[in-house]
N, C-alpha and C. Protein backbone atom coordinates (compact mmCIF):
# COMPACT_ATOMS: atom_id res chain seq x y z
N UNK A 1 9.48 -4.28 15.28
CA UNK A 1 9.55 -3.48 14.07
C UNK A 1 10.40 -2.25 14.37
N UNK A 2 11.38 -1.93 13.53
CA UNK A 2 12.23 -0.77 13.77
C UNK A 2 11.42 0.52 13.86
N UNK A 3 11.83 1.38 14.77
CA UNK A 3 11.18 2.67 14.90
C UNK A 3 9.91 2.65 15.72
N UNK A 4 9.52 1.47 16.17
CA UNK A 4 8.29 1.35 16.95
C UNK A 4 8.67 1.02 18.40
N UNK A 5 7.94 1.56 19.35
CA UNK A 5 8.20 1.23 20.74
C UNK A 5 7.76 -0.20 21.01
N UNK A 6 8.27 -0.76 22.07
CA UNK A 6 7.83 -2.07 22.50
C UNK A 6 6.33 -2.00 22.77
N UNK A 7 5.60 -3.03 22.40
CA UNK A 7 4.15 -3.03 22.61
C UNK A 7 3.79 -3.01 24.08
N UNK A 8 4.65 -3.55 24.93
CA UNK A 8 4.28 -3.57 26.33
C UNK A 8 5.48 -3.38 27.23
N UNK A 9 5.18 -3.07 28.45
CA UNK A 9 6.13 -2.88 29.51
C UNK A 9 5.42 -3.39 30.74
N UNK A 10 6.11 -3.45 31.85
CA UNK A 10 5.49 -3.98 33.06
C UNK A 10 4.28 -3.15 33.48
N UNK A 11 4.26 -1.86 33.18
CA UNK A 11 3.19 -1.02 33.69
C UNK A 11 2.30 -0.38 32.62
N UNK A 12 2.66 -0.47 31.34
CA UNK A 12 1.85 0.16 30.31
C UNK A 12 2.05 -0.50 28.96
N UNK A 13 1.16 -0.20 28.05
CA UNK A 13 1.28 -0.65 26.67
C UNK A 13 1.17 0.57 25.76
N UNK A 14 1.72 0.45 24.57
CA UNK A 14 1.59 1.52 23.56
C UNK A 14 0.40 1.21 22.69
N UNK A 15 -0.41 2.23 22.43
CA UNK A 15 -1.57 2.09 21.55
C UNK A 15 -1.71 3.35 20.70
N UNK A 16 -2.38 3.19 19.59
CA UNK A 16 -2.72 4.34 18.77
C UNK A 16 -3.65 5.24 19.59
N UNK A 17 -3.40 6.53 19.59
CA UNK A 17 -4.25 7.47 20.32
C UNK A 17 -5.36 7.93 19.38
N UNK A 18 -6.61 7.54 19.64
CA UNK A 18 -7.70 7.85 18.70
C UNK A 18 -7.91 9.34 18.48
N UNK A 19 -7.83 10.13 19.55
CA UNK A 19 -8.05 11.57 19.41
C UNK A 19 -6.95 12.23 18.60
N UNK A 20 -5.72 11.84 18.86
CA UNK A 20 -4.59 12.41 18.13
C UNK A 20 -4.65 11.98 16.67
N UNK A 21 -5.03 10.74 16.42
CA UNK A 21 -5.19 10.26 15.05
C UNK A 21 -6.19 11.11 14.28
N UNK A 22 -7.33 11.34 14.88
CA UNK A 22 -8.38 12.14 14.22
C UNK A 22 -7.89 13.55 13.90
N UNK A 23 -7.24 14.18 14.88
CA UNK A 23 -6.72 15.55 14.67
C UNK A 23 -5.66 15.55 13.58
N UNK A 24 -4.76 14.58 13.60
CA UNK A 24 -3.70 14.51 12.59
C UNK A 24 -4.28 14.30 11.19
N UNK A 25 -5.32 13.47 11.09
CA UNK A 25 -5.95 13.23 9.79
C UNK A 25 -6.59 14.50 9.25
N UNK A 26 -7.30 15.20 10.12
CA UNK A 26 -7.96 16.45 9.69
C UNK A 26 -6.91 17.49 9.31
N UNK A 27 -5.85 17.60 10.10
CA UNK A 27 -4.78 18.56 9.78
C UNK A 27 -4.11 18.23 8.45
N UNK A 28 -4.04 16.94 8.12
CA UNK A 28 -3.44 16.53 6.85
C UNK A 28 -4.40 16.75 5.68
N UNK A 29 -5.65 17.13 6.00
CA UNK A 29 -6.63 17.40 4.95
C UNK A 29 -7.19 16.15 4.30
N UNK A 30 -7.20 15.05 5.05
CA UNK A 30 -7.68 13.78 4.50
C UNK A 30 -9.01 13.38 5.10
N UNK A 31 -9.85 12.78 4.28
CA UNK A 31 -11.07 12.15 4.79
C UNK A 31 -10.68 10.76 5.29
N UNK A 32 -11.60 10.13 5.99
CA UNK A 32 -11.36 8.75 6.41
C UNK A 32 -11.13 7.86 5.19
N UNK A 33 -11.91 8.08 4.15
CA UNK A 33 -11.78 7.29 2.93
C UNK A 33 -10.41 7.46 2.28
N UNK A 34 -9.94 8.70 2.23
CA UNK A 34 -8.62 8.95 1.63
C UNK A 34 -7.51 8.31 2.43
N UNK A 35 -7.58 8.42 3.76
CA UNK A 35 -6.57 7.76 4.59
C UNK A 35 -6.64 6.26 4.41
N UNK A 36 -7.83 5.72 4.39
CA UNK A 36 -8.00 4.28 4.22
C UNK A 36 -7.36 3.79 2.93
N UNK A 37 -7.58 4.53 1.85
CA UNK A 37 -6.98 4.15 0.56
C UNK A 37 -5.46 4.15 0.65
N UNK A 38 -4.91 5.16 1.30
CA UNK A 38 -3.44 5.27 1.41
C UNK A 38 -2.82 4.16 2.24
N UNK A 39 -3.57 3.62 3.21
CA UNK A 39 -3.00 2.58 4.08
C UNK A 39 -3.49 1.18 3.72
N UNK A 40 -4.34 1.08 2.71
CA UNK A 40 -4.81 -0.23 2.27
C UNK A 40 -5.82 -0.87 3.21
N UNK A 41 -6.59 -0.06 3.88
CA UNK A 41 -7.63 -0.53 4.78
C UNK A 41 -8.95 0.12 4.40
N UNK A 42 -10.03 -0.30 5.04
CA UNK A 42 -11.33 0.29 4.75
C UNK A 42 -11.54 1.56 5.58
N UNK A 43 -12.45 2.41 5.09
CA UNK A 43 -12.82 3.61 5.85
C UNK A 43 -13.44 3.20 7.19
N UNK A 44 -14.14 2.06 7.20
CA UNK A 44 -14.72 1.56 8.44
C UNK A 44 -13.62 1.26 9.46
N UNK A 45 -12.51 0.66 9.02
CA UNK A 45 -11.40 0.38 9.92
C UNK A 45 -10.82 1.67 10.48
N UNK A 46 -10.63 2.67 9.62
CA UNK A 46 -10.12 3.95 10.10
C UNK A 46 -11.06 4.53 11.15
N UNK A 47 -12.36 4.42 10.93
CA UNK A 47 -13.34 4.88 11.91
C UNK A 47 -13.21 4.15 13.23
N UNK A 48 -12.96 2.85 13.17
CA UNK A 48 -12.77 2.07 14.40
C UNK A 48 -11.50 2.50 15.12
N UNK A 49 -10.44 2.78 14.37
CA UNK A 49 -9.20 3.29 14.99
C UNK A 49 -9.46 4.62 15.68
N UNK A 50 -10.20 5.50 14.99
CA UNK A 50 -10.46 6.84 15.54
C UNK A 50 -11.40 6.82 16.74
N UNK A 51 -12.19 5.79 16.87
CA UNK A 51 -13.06 5.67 18.05
C UNK A 51 -12.40 4.85 19.16
N UNK A 52 -11.22 4.31 18.88
CA UNK A 52 -10.52 3.52 19.89
C UNK A 52 -11.09 2.13 20.09
N UNK A 53 -11.92 1.68 19.15
CA UNK A 53 -12.53 0.36 19.25
C UNK A 53 -11.53 -0.72 18.85
N UNK A 54 -10.66 -0.38 17.92
CA UNK A 54 -9.68 -1.33 17.41
C UNK A 54 -8.32 -0.64 17.33
N UNK A 55 -7.28 -1.38 17.73
CA UNK A 55 -5.92 -0.86 17.63
C UNK A 55 -5.21 -1.60 16.49
N UNK A 56 -4.70 -0.86 15.51
CA UNK A 56 -4.06 -1.53 14.37
C UNK A 56 -2.72 -2.14 14.74
N UNK A 57 -2.28 -3.07 13.92
CA UNK A 57 -0.96 -3.68 14.08
C UNK A 57 0.11 -2.63 13.86
N UNK A 58 1.32 -2.86 14.37
CA UNK A 58 2.41 -1.88 14.23
C UNK A 58 2.69 -1.46 12.80
N UNK A 59 2.62 -2.38 11.84
CA UNK A 59 2.90 -2.00 10.45
C UNK A 59 1.85 -1.04 9.91
N UNK A 60 0.62 -1.15 10.37
CA UNK A 60 -0.44 -0.23 9.94
C UNK A 60 -0.25 1.12 10.61
N UNK A 61 0.19 1.12 11.86
CA UNK A 61 0.48 2.39 12.54
C UNK A 61 1.56 3.15 11.79
N UNK A 62 2.58 2.45 11.34
CA UNK A 62 3.65 3.09 10.56
C UNK A 62 3.08 3.63 9.25
N UNK A 63 2.22 2.86 8.59
CA UNK A 63 1.60 3.32 7.33
C UNK A 63 0.73 4.55 7.56
N UNK A 64 -0.03 4.56 8.65
CA UNK A 64 -0.86 5.72 8.99
C UNK A 64 0.02 6.95 9.20
N UNK A 65 1.08 6.78 9.98
CA UNK A 65 1.98 7.90 10.25
C UNK A 65 2.58 8.43 8.95
N UNK A 66 3.03 7.53 8.08
CA UNK A 66 3.59 7.94 6.78
C UNK A 66 2.56 8.72 5.97
N UNK A 67 1.33 8.22 5.94
CA UNK A 67 0.27 8.87 5.15
C UNK A 67 -0.07 10.26 5.71
N UNK A 68 0.10 10.43 7.03
CA UNK A 68 -0.22 11.71 7.66
C UNK A 68 0.98 12.64 7.76
N UNK A 69 2.17 12.14 7.41
CA UNK A 69 3.37 12.97 7.48
C UNK A 69 3.85 13.22 8.90
N UNK A 70 3.63 12.24 9.78
CA UNK A 70 4.08 12.35 11.16
C UNK A 70 4.90 11.12 11.53
N UNK A 71 5.51 11.16 12.70
CA UNK A 71 6.23 10.00 13.21
C UNK A 71 5.23 9.08 13.92
N UNK A 72 5.47 7.77 13.92
CA UNK A 72 4.55 6.86 14.60
C UNK A 72 4.29 7.24 16.06
N UNK A 73 5.32 7.64 16.78
CA UNK A 73 5.12 7.99 18.18
C UNK A 73 4.24 9.23 18.35
N UNK A 74 4.14 10.05 17.31
CA UNK A 74 3.29 11.25 17.39
C UNK A 74 1.80 10.90 17.50
N UNK A 75 1.43 9.71 17.06
CA UNK A 75 0.02 9.33 17.08
C UNK A 75 -0.26 8.18 18.07
N UNK A 76 0.71 7.94 18.95
CA UNK A 76 0.56 6.87 19.92
C UNK A 76 0.55 7.43 21.34
N UNK A 77 0.03 6.62 22.25
CA UNK A 77 -0.01 7.01 23.66
C UNK A 77 0.20 5.77 24.51
N UNK A 78 0.74 5.99 25.70
CA UNK A 78 0.88 4.89 26.64
C UNK A 78 -0.45 4.72 27.38
N UNK A 79 -0.84 3.50 27.54
CA UNK A 79 -2.08 3.18 28.27
C UNK A 79 -1.74 2.24 29.41
N UNK A 80 -2.44 2.37 30.49
CA UNK A 80 -2.24 1.45 31.61
C UNK A 80 -2.50 0.03 31.14
N UNK A 81 -1.65 -0.87 31.59
CA UNK A 81 -1.77 -2.28 31.18
C UNK A 81 -2.92 -2.97 31.88
């Protein structure tokens, strides 16, 4: 997907950063429910993303970033593979 980093590399993978996501959502003044509505997912899914239980697909990460007014890489982090 354009604008997205490769999902994996020999030593790490890219994932949504749950802590950064939560901070970005609060800074944007959105509740979980409001973000969920904007990205077409449930508030429960947003909660799972924020707890790091589930990592959304790249297209959802782009939608989250758009809804929060940030770049996708701003809410992602490299994790050990």
